[in-house]
Amino acid sequence: MFPLSLFMKTTLAKNVQLKDKTWYVVDAKDQHLGRLAVRIANVLRGRHKPTYTPHVDTGDYVVVINADKVVLTGVKETDKTYMFYTGWVGTAYRRSVAAMRARRPEFIITHAVKGMLPKNRLSSAMLRKLRVFAGEKHDHSDKSLQPFPTVPRG
């Protein structure tokens, strides 16, 4: 006999089927940057849904508050640097995490999540669904924000 899995169909989501997007809020206070970025990237991609399809944007919106209170382990606060380049010769400069936290704390989480998204045309659309705020206040209180989904360990 043939196994039953030979006759089962895999359903693939299409863009016309994806109407309802959920808004999630996550508090980044006292959370590790890498672990938080993985969870946010998975929700932006839609991997928490049973309708996940890799080539379709099935993800939801994520609002991150308290981005300035995210935790980095070890000596990354002083040793980790972000490099920027203006395009002119000799104008590459580096900023430490401590300097970026003082200047633009939203960049730390956005940069980490961007690195964990796929490198294709969908990544910019997924990154547009991420809203990061340095403090408690955000301008998405009119949306019905849900608590961030927890991923079961297994």
N, C-alpha and C. Protein backbone atom coordinates (compact mmCIF):
# COMPACT_ATOMS: atom_id res chain seq x y z
N MET A 1 0.84 -1.19 0.00
CA MET A 1 0.00 0.00 0.00
C MET A 1 0.88 1.25 0.00
N PHE A 2 0.30 2.31 -0.52
CA PHE A 2 0.98 3.59 -0.53
C PHE A 2 0.71 4.31 0.78
N PRO A 3 1.69 5.09 1.25
CA PRO A 3 1.41 5.88 2.46
C PRO A 3 0.41 6.98 2.15
N LEU A 4 -0.35 7.35 3.17
CA LEU A 4 -1.41 8.34 3.01
C LEU A 4 -0.85 9.71 2.64
N SER A 5 0.38 9.99 3.05
CA SER A 5 0.96 11.31 2.77
C SER A 5 1.21 11.54 1.28
N LEU A 6 1.22 10.48 0.48
CA LEU A 6 1.38 10.63 -0.96
C LEU A 6 0.19 11.32 -1.60
N PHE A 7 -0.98 11.17 -1.01
CA PHE A 7 -2.20 11.69 -1.60
C PHE A 7 -2.67 13.00 -0.98
N MET A 8 -1.96 13.49 0.02
CA MET A 8 -2.36 14.75 0.66
C MET A 8 -1.84 15.93 -0.15
N LYS A 9 -2.62 16.97 -0.19
CA LYS A 9 -2.25 18.18 -0.91
C LYS A 9 -1.69 19.20 0.09
N THR A 10 -0.70 19.92 -0.35
CA THR A 10 -0.18 21.02 0.45
C THR A 10 -0.85 22.30 -0.02
N THR A 11 -1.44 23.04 0.91
CA THR A 11 -2.11 24.28 0.53
C THR A 11 -1.11 25.42 0.63
N LEU A 12 -1.06 26.24 -0.39
CA LEU A 12 -0.19 27.39 -0.44
C LEU A 12 -1.03 28.65 -0.40
N ALA A 13 -0.67 29.58 0.44
CA ALA A 13 -1.42 30.83 0.57
C ALA A 13 -1.18 31.71 -0.64
N LYS A 14 -2.18 32.51 -0.95
CA LYS A 14 -2.07 33.51 -2.02
C LYS A 14 -2.33 34.88 -1.42
N ASN A 15 -1.86 35.91 -2.09
CA ASN A 15 -2.01 37.26 -1.55
C ASN A 15 -3.47 37.69 -1.44
N VAL A 16 -4.35 37.18 -2.29
CA VAL A 16 -5.74 37.58 -2.24
C VAL A 16 -6.46 36.98 -1.04
N GLN A 17 -5.93 35.89 -0.50
CA GLN A 17 -6.57 35.25 0.65
C GLN A 17 -6.20 35.93 1.97
N LEU A 18 -5.14 36.71 1.99
CA LEU A 18 -4.60 37.26 3.23
C LEU A 18 -5.12 38.68 3.46
N LYS A 19 -6.26 38.79 4.08
CA LYS A 19 -6.85 40.09 4.32
C LYS A 19 -6.60 40.58 5.75
N ASP A 20 -6.78 39.72 6.71
CA ASP A 20 -6.72 40.14 8.11
C ASP A 20 -5.31 40.02 8.67
N LYS A 21 -4.75 41.15 9.02
CA LYS A 21 -3.43 41.20 9.64
C LYS A 21 -3.63 41.58 11.10
N THR A 22 -2.95 40.90 11.98
CA THR A 22 -3.04 41.16 13.40
C THR A 22 -1.90 42.08 13.82
N TRP A 23 -2.18 42.96 14.77
CA TRP A 23 -1.17 43.84 15.33
C TRP A 23 -0.75 43.30 16.68
N TYR A 24 0.54 43.06 16.86
CA TYR A 24 1.07 42.56 18.12
C TYR A 24 1.94 43.64 18.75
N VAL A 25 1.94 43.68 20.07
CA VAL A 25 2.81 44.60 20.80
C VAL A 25 3.75 43.77 21.68
N VAL A 26 5.02 44.17 21.70
CA VAL A 26 6.01 43.47 22.50
C VAL A 26 6.81 44.51 23.27
N ASP A 27 7.06 44.23 24.55
CA ASP A 27 7.85 45.10 25.40
C ASP A 27 9.28 44.57 25.40
N ALA A 28 10.23 45.36 24.91
CA ALA A 28 11.62 44.91 24.78
C ALA A 28 12.41 45.11 26.07
N LYS A 29 11.78 45.58 27.11
CA LYS A 29 12.49 45.86 28.36
C LYS A 29 13.05 44.57 28.94
N ASP A 30 14.35 44.56 29.23
CA ASP A 30 15.07 43.43 29.85
C ASP A 30 15.00 42.15 29.02
N GLN A 31 14.88 42.25 27.70
CA GLN A 31 14.91 41.07 26.84
C GLN A 31 16.20 41.09 26.04
N HIS A 32 16.73 39.90 25.76
CA HIS A 32 17.96 39.78 24.98
C HIS A 32 17.68 40.11 23.53
N LEU A 33 18.58 40.87 22.92
CA LEU A 33 18.36 41.39 21.58
C LEU A 33 18.19 40.29 20.53
N GLY A 34 19.09 39.33 20.52
CA GLY A 34 19.04 38.29 19.49
C GLY A 34 17.80 37.42 19.59
N ARG A 35 17.47 37.01 20.79
CA ARG A 35 16.29 36.15 20.96
C ARG A 35 15.00 36.90 20.63
N LEU A 36 14.96 38.17 20.99
CA LEU A 36 13.79 38.98 20.66
C LEU A 36 13.68 39.19 19.16
N ALA A 37 14.81 39.43 18.50
CA ALA A 37 14.80 39.68 17.06
C ALA A 37 14.36 38.44 16.28
N VAL A 38 14.72 37.25 16.74
CA VAL A 38 14.28 36.02 16.09
C VAL A 38 12.76 35.89 16.18
N ARG A 39 12.21 36.14 17.36
CA ARG A 39 10.75 36.03 17.54
C ARG A 39 10.02 37.07 16.69
N ILE A 40 10.54 38.29 16.63
CA ILE A 40 9.90 39.33 15.83
C ILE A 40 9.98 38.98 14.35
N ALA A 41 11.13 38.51 13.88
CA ALA A 41 11.28 38.15 12.47
C ALA A 41 10.34 37.02 12.08
N ASN A 42 10.14 36.06 12.96
CA ASN A 42 9.22 34.96 12.66
C ASN A 42 7.78 35.44 12.55
N VAL A 43 7.37 36.39 13.38
CA VAL A 43 6.01 36.92 13.29
C VAL A 43 5.86 37.77 12.03
N LEU A 44 6.89 38.55 11.69
CA LEU A 44 6.82 39.34 10.46
C LEU A 44 6.74 38.46 9.23
N ARG A 45 7.39 37.32 9.26
CA ARG A 45 7.34 36.39 8.12
C ARG A 45 6.05 35.58 8.10
N GLY A 46 5.41 35.40 9.25
CA GLY A 46 4.19 34.62 9.33
C GLY A 46 4.41 33.18 9.73
N ARG A 47 5.57 32.88 10.31
CA ARG A 47 5.89 31.49 10.64
C ARG A 47 5.10 30.98 11.84
N HIS A 48 4.40 31.85 12.53
CA HIS A 48 3.58 31.44 13.66
C HIS A 48 2.19 31.00 13.23
N LYS A 49 1.88 31.09 11.94
CA LYS A 49 0.55 30.75 11.42
C LYS A 49 0.59 29.41 10.69
N PRO A 50 -0.52 28.71 10.68
CA PRO A 50 -0.56 27.47 9.90
C PRO A 50 -0.60 27.72 8.39
N THR A 51 -0.90 28.94 7.97
CA THR A 51 -0.95 29.27 6.54
C THR A 51 0.37 29.80 6.03
N TYR A 52 1.46 29.58 6.75
CA TYR A 52 2.77 30.11 6.35
C TYR A 52 3.18 29.54 4.99
N THR A 53 3.57 30.45 4.11
CA THR A 53 4.09 30.09 2.80
C THR A 53 5.34 30.93 2.58
N PRO A 54 6.47 30.31 2.24
CA PRO A 54 7.72 31.07 2.17
C PRO A 54 7.74 32.19 1.12
N HIS A 55 7.05 32.01 0.01
CA HIS A 55 7.13 33.00 -1.06
C HIS A 55 6.02 34.03 -1.02
N VAL A 56 5.19 34.03 0.05
CA VAL A 56 4.10 34.99 0.21
C VAL A 56 4.26 35.66 1.56
N ASP A 57 3.97 36.94 1.62
CA ASP A 57 4.06 37.69 2.87
C ASP A 57 2.81 37.40 3.71
N THR A 58 2.90 36.42 4.62
CA THR A 58 1.76 36.03 5.45
C THR A 58 1.87 36.59 6.86
N GLY A 59 2.84 37.46 7.11
CA GLY A 59 3.12 37.92 8.46
C GLY A 59 2.18 38.99 8.96
N ASP A 60 2.36 39.34 10.23
CA ASP A 60 1.54 40.33 10.91
C ASP A 60 2.40 41.53 11.28
N TYR A 61 1.74 42.56 11.81
CA TYR A 61 2.42 43.77 12.25
C TYR A 61 2.95 43.59 13.67
N VAL A 62 4.09 44.21 13.97
CA VAL A 62 4.68 44.14 15.30
C VAL A 62 5.05 45.55 15.74
N VAL A 63 4.59 45.92 16.94
CA VAL A 63 4.93 47.19 17.55
C VAL A 63 5.83 46.89 18.74
N VAL A 64 7.03 47.44 18.75
CA VAL A 64 8.00 47.21 19.82
C VAL A 64 8.11 48.49 20.64
N ILE A 65 7.92 48.36 21.96
CA ILE A 65 8.10 49.51 22.85
C ILE A 65 9.29 49.25 23.75
N ASN A 66 9.81 50.30 24.36
CA ASN A 66 10.98 50.25 25.23
C ASN A 66 12.20 49.69 24.51
N ALA A 67 12.45 50.14 23.31
CA ALA A 67 13.60 49.66 22.55
C ALA A 67 14.92 50.10 23.17
N ASP A 68 14.89 51.17 23.95
CA ASP A 68 16.13 51.64 24.57
C ASP A 68 16.53 50.82 25.78
N LYS A 69 15.69 49.89 26.22
CA LYS A 69 15.98 49.07 27.39
C LYS A 69 16.29 47.62 27.04
N VAL A 70 16.59 47.34 25.78
CA VAL A 70 16.92 45.98 25.37
C VAL A 70 18.31 45.64 25.90
N VAL A 71 18.53 44.34 26.19
CA VAL A 71 19.76 43.89 26.84
C VAL A 71 20.64 43.17 25.83
N LEU A 72 21.94 43.44 25.90
CA LEU A 72 22.94 42.70 25.14
C LEU A 72 23.84 41.97 26.12
N THR A 73 24.25 40.77 25.79
CA THR A 73 25.06 39.98 26.71
C THR A 73 26.53 40.28 26.52
N GLY A 74 27.30 39.97 27.53
CA GLY A 74 28.75 40.11 27.44
C GLY A 74 29.19 41.55 27.32
N VAL A 75 30.21 41.78 26.50
CA VAL A 75 30.77 43.12 26.33
C VAL A 75 30.32 43.75 25.02
N LYS A 76 29.18 43.30 24.49
CA LYS A 76 28.70 43.84 23.21
C LYS A 76 28.30 45.30 23.31
N GLU A 77 27.93 45.75 24.49
CA GLU A 77 27.53 47.15 24.65
C GLU A 77 28.66 48.10 24.24
N THR A 78 29.89 47.72 24.49
CA THR A 78 31.02 48.58 24.13
C THR A 78 31.78 48.09 22.91
N ASP A 79 31.83 46.77 22.69
CA ASP A 79 32.67 46.22 21.63
C ASP A 79 31.97 46.09 20.28
N LYS A 80 30.67 45.86 20.27
CA LYS A 80 29.94 45.71 19.01
C LYS A 80 29.79 47.07 18.35
N THR A 81 30.08 47.14 17.06
CA THR A 81 29.98 48.41 16.35
C THR A 81 29.13 48.25 15.09
N TYR A 82 28.50 49.33 14.70
CA TYR A 82 27.77 49.42 13.45
C TYR A 82 28.57 50.31 12.52
N MET A 83 28.76 49.86 11.27
CA MET A 83 29.55 50.63 10.32
C MET A 83 28.63 51.32 9.32
N PHE A 84 28.93 52.56 9.04
CA PHE A 84 28.19 53.36 8.06
C PHE A 84 29.18 53.91 7.05
N TYR A 85 28.73 54.09 5.83
CA TYR A 85 29.60 54.56 4.76
C TYR A 85 28.81 55.54 3.90
N THR A 86 29.33 56.74 3.72
CA THR A 86 28.61 57.77 2.98
C THR A 86 28.75 57.64 1.48
N GLY A 87 29.77 56.93 1.01
CA GLY A 87 29.99 56.81 -0.41
C GLY A 87 31.22 57.57 -0.87
N TRP A 88 31.70 58.47 -0.06
CA TRP A 88 32.91 59.20 -0.37
C TRP A 88 34.12 58.44 0.17
N VAL A 89 35.27 58.66 -0.43
CA VAL A 89 36.48 57.95 -0.04
C VAL A 89 36.88 58.37 1.38
N GLY A 90 37.12 57.39 2.21
CA GLY A 90 37.58 57.65 3.57
C GLY A 90 36.51 58.12 4.53
N THR A 91 35.24 57.91 4.21
CA THR A 91 34.18 58.41 5.08
C THR A 91 33.41 57.29 5.77
N ALA A 92 34.04 56.14 5.94
CA ALA A 92 33.40 55.09 6.71
C ALA A 92 33.59 55.41 8.18
N TYR A 93 32.52 55.27 8.95
CA TYR A 93 32.63 55.52 10.37
C TYR A 93 31.86 54.46 11.13
N ARG A 94 32.23 54.27 12.39
CA ARG A 94 31.64 53.23 13.23
C ARG A 94 31.04 53.86 14.47
N ARG A 95 29.94 53.26 14.93
CA ARG A 95 29.29 53.67 16.16
C ARG A 95 29.11 52.44 17.04
N SER A 96 29.39 52.56 18.32
CA SER A 96 29.18 51.44 19.25
C SER A 96 27.70 51.35 19.60
N VAL A 97 27.33 50.25 20.23
CA VAL A 97 25.93 50.06 20.62
C VAL A 97 25.53 51.11 21.65
N ALA A 98 26.44 51.46 22.54
CA ALA A 98 26.14 52.48 23.55
C ALA A 98 25.85 53.84 22.89
N ALA A 99 26.62 54.18 21.86
CA ALA A 99 26.38 55.44 21.15
C ALA A 99 25.07 55.40 20.37
N MET A 100 24.76 54.26 19.77
CA MET A 100 23.50 54.14 19.03
C MET A 100 22.31 54.14 19.98
N ARG A 101 22.47 53.56 21.16
CA ARG A 101 21.38 53.56 22.14
C ARG A 101 21.08 54.99 22.59
N ALA A 102 22.10 55.81 22.70
CA ALA A 102 21.88 57.21 23.09
C ALA A 102 21.29 58.02 21.94
N ARG A 103 21.71 57.72 20.70
CA ARG A 103 21.30 58.52 19.55
C ARG A 103 20.00 58.02 18.91
N ARG A 104 19.96 56.75 18.51
CA ARG A 104 18.80 56.16 17.83
C ARG A 104 18.57 54.75 18.35
N PRO A 105 17.89 54.57 19.49
CA PRO A 105 17.72 53.22 20.05
C PRO A 105 16.84 52.31 19.19
N GLU A 106 16.01 52.87 18.33
CA GLU A 106 15.17 52.04 17.46
C GLU A 106 16.00 51.28 16.44
N PHE A 107 17.14 51.86 16.05
CA PHE A 107 17.99 51.25 15.03
C PHE A 107 18.54 49.90 15.48
N ILE A 108 18.79 49.74 16.77
CA ILE A 108 19.40 48.50 17.27
C ILE A 108 18.48 47.31 16.98
N ILE A 109 17.21 47.45 17.29
CA ILE A 109 16.27 46.35 17.06
C ILE A 109 15.96 46.20 15.58
N THR A 110 15.79 47.30 14.87
CA THR A 110 15.49 47.22 13.44
C THR A 110 16.62 46.55 12.67
N HIS A 111 17.85 46.86 13.00
CA HIS A 111 19.01 46.29 12.33
C HIS A 111 19.11 44.79 12.61
N ALA A 112 18.83 44.38 13.85
CA ALA A 112 18.90 42.96 14.20
C ALA A 112 17.80 42.16 13.49
N VAL A 113 16.60 42.72 13.43
CA VAL A 113 15.49 42.02 12.77
C VAL A 113 15.73 41.96 11.27
N LYS A 114 16.26 43.03 10.68
CA LYS A 114 16.52 43.06 9.24
C LYS A 114 17.51 41.97 8.84
N GLY A 115 18.49 41.72 9.69
CA GLY A 115 19.46 40.68 9.40
C GLY A 115 18.90 39.28 9.46
N MET A 116 17.76 39.11 10.13
CA MET A 116 17.15 37.79 10.26
C MET A 116 16.01 37.55 9.28
N LEU A 117 15.71 38.51 8.45
CA LEU A 117 14.70 38.33 7.41
C LEU A 117 15.37 37.79 6.16
N PRO A 118 14.61 37.16 5.27
CA PRO A 118 15.21 36.64 4.03
C PRO A 118 15.72 37.77 3.15
N LYS A 119 16.75 37.47 2.39
CA LYS A 119 17.35 38.48 1.51
C LYS A 119 16.70 38.39 0.14
N ASN A 120 15.47 38.86 0.04
CA ASN A 120 14.76 38.85 -1.24
C ASN A 120 13.82 40.06 -1.29
N ARG A 121 12.93 40.10 -2.26
CA ARG A 121 12.05 41.25 -2.45
C ARG A 121 11.02 41.38 -1.34
N LEU A 122 10.71 40.30 -0.64
CA LEU A 122 9.70 40.36 0.40
C LEU A 122 10.22 41.03 1.67
N SER A 123 11.53 41.07 1.86
CA SER A 123 12.06 41.54 3.13
C SER A 123 11.72 43.00 3.40
N SER A 124 11.71 43.85 2.38
CA SER A 124 11.38 45.25 2.61
C SER A 124 9.91 45.42 2.99
N ALA A 125 9.03 44.61 2.41
CA ALA A 125 7.62 44.66 2.78
C ALA A 125 7.41 44.16 4.20
N MET A 126 8.19 43.14 4.58
CA MET A 126 8.08 42.62 5.94
C MET A 126 8.61 43.62 6.95
N LEU A 127 9.69 44.30 6.61
CA LEU A 127 10.29 45.25 7.54
C LEU A 127 9.40 46.49 7.71
N ARG A 128 8.58 46.81 6.71
CA ARG A 128 7.66 47.93 6.85
C ARG A 128 6.56 47.66 7.86
N LYS A 129 6.36 46.39 8.21
CA LYS A 129 5.33 46.04 9.19
C LYS A 129 5.87 46.08 10.62
N LEU A 130 7.12 46.50 10.78
CA LEU A 130 7.74 46.61 12.10
C LEU A 130 7.75 48.07 12.52
N ARG A 131 7.21 48.36 13.70
CA ARG A 131 7.22 49.71 14.26
C ARG A 131 7.96 49.64 15.59
N VAL A 132 9.02 50.42 15.73
CA VAL A 132 9.85 50.38 16.93
C VAL A 132 9.83 51.76 17.59
N PHE A 133 9.62 51.78 18.91
CA PHE A 133 9.57 53.02 19.67
C PHE A 133 10.52 52.92 20.85
N ALA A 134 11.19 54.02 21.16
CA ALA A 134 12.20 54.02 22.22
C ALA A 134 11.57 53.92 23.60
N GLY A 135 10.46 54.54 23.83
CA GLY A 135 9.85 54.56 25.15
C GLY A 135 8.55 53.78 25.20
N GLU A 136 7.76 54.08 26.24
CA GLU A 136 6.47 53.41 26.44
C GLU A 136 5.41 53.89 25.45
N LYS A 137 5.51 55.16 25.02
CA LYS A 137 4.46 55.74 24.20
C LYS A 137 4.63 55.33 22.73
N HIS A 138 3.51 55.03 22.09
CA HIS A 138 3.51 54.74 20.66
C HIS A 138 2.25 55.30 20.06
N ASP A 139 2.23 55.46 18.75
CA ASP A 139 1.09 56.08 18.09
C ASP A 139 0.17 55.06 17.40
N HIS A 140 0.14 53.85 17.92
CA HIS A 140 -0.73 52.82 17.36
C HIS A 140 -1.75 52.33 18.38
N SER A 141 -2.17 53.23 19.26
CA SER A 141 -3.14 52.84 20.28
C SER A 141 -4.54 52.67 19.71
N ASP A 142 -4.80 53.21 18.50
CA ASP A 142 -6.10 53.05 17.89
C ASP A 142 -6.32 51.63 17.35
N LYS A 143 -5.25 50.89 17.13
CA LYS A 143 -5.36 49.50 16.67
C LYS A 143 -5.65 48.60 17.87
N SER A 144 -6.25 47.47 17.61
CA SER A 144 -6.47 46.50 18.69
C SER A 144 -5.21 45.65 18.80
N LEU A 145 -4.32 46.04 19.69
CA LEU A 145 -3.04 45.37 19.84
C LEU A 145 -3.19 44.11 20.68
N GLN A 146 -2.63 43.04 20.19
CA GLN A 146 -2.66 41.75 20.89
C GLN A 146 -1.32 41.56 21.58
N PRO A 147 -1.29 40.78 22.66
CA PRO A 147 0.01 40.44 23.25
C PRO A 147 0.81 39.56 22.29
N PHE A 148 2.11 39.65 22.41
CA PHE A 148 3.01 38.95 21.49
C PHE A 148 2.83 37.45 21.62
N PRO A 149 2.74 36.70 20.51
CA PRO A 149 2.54 35.24 20.60
C PRO A 149 3.80 34.55 21.12
N THR A 150 3.58 33.58 21.99
CA THR A 150 4.70 32.81 22.50
C THR A 150 4.87 31.56 21.66
N VAL A 151 6.10 31.21 21.43
CA VAL A 151 6.41 30.05 20.60
C VAL A 151 6.64 28.87 21.52
N PRO A 152 5.91 27.76 21.32
CA PRO A 152 6.12 26.60 22.20
C PRO A 152 7.47 25.96 21.94
N ARG A 153 8.14 25.60 23.00
CA ARG A 153 9.42 24.90 22.89
C ARG A 153 9.16 23.42 22.69
N GLY A 154 9.92 22.79 21.82
CA GLY A 154 9.63 21.38 21.62
C GLY A 154 10.68 20.62 20.95
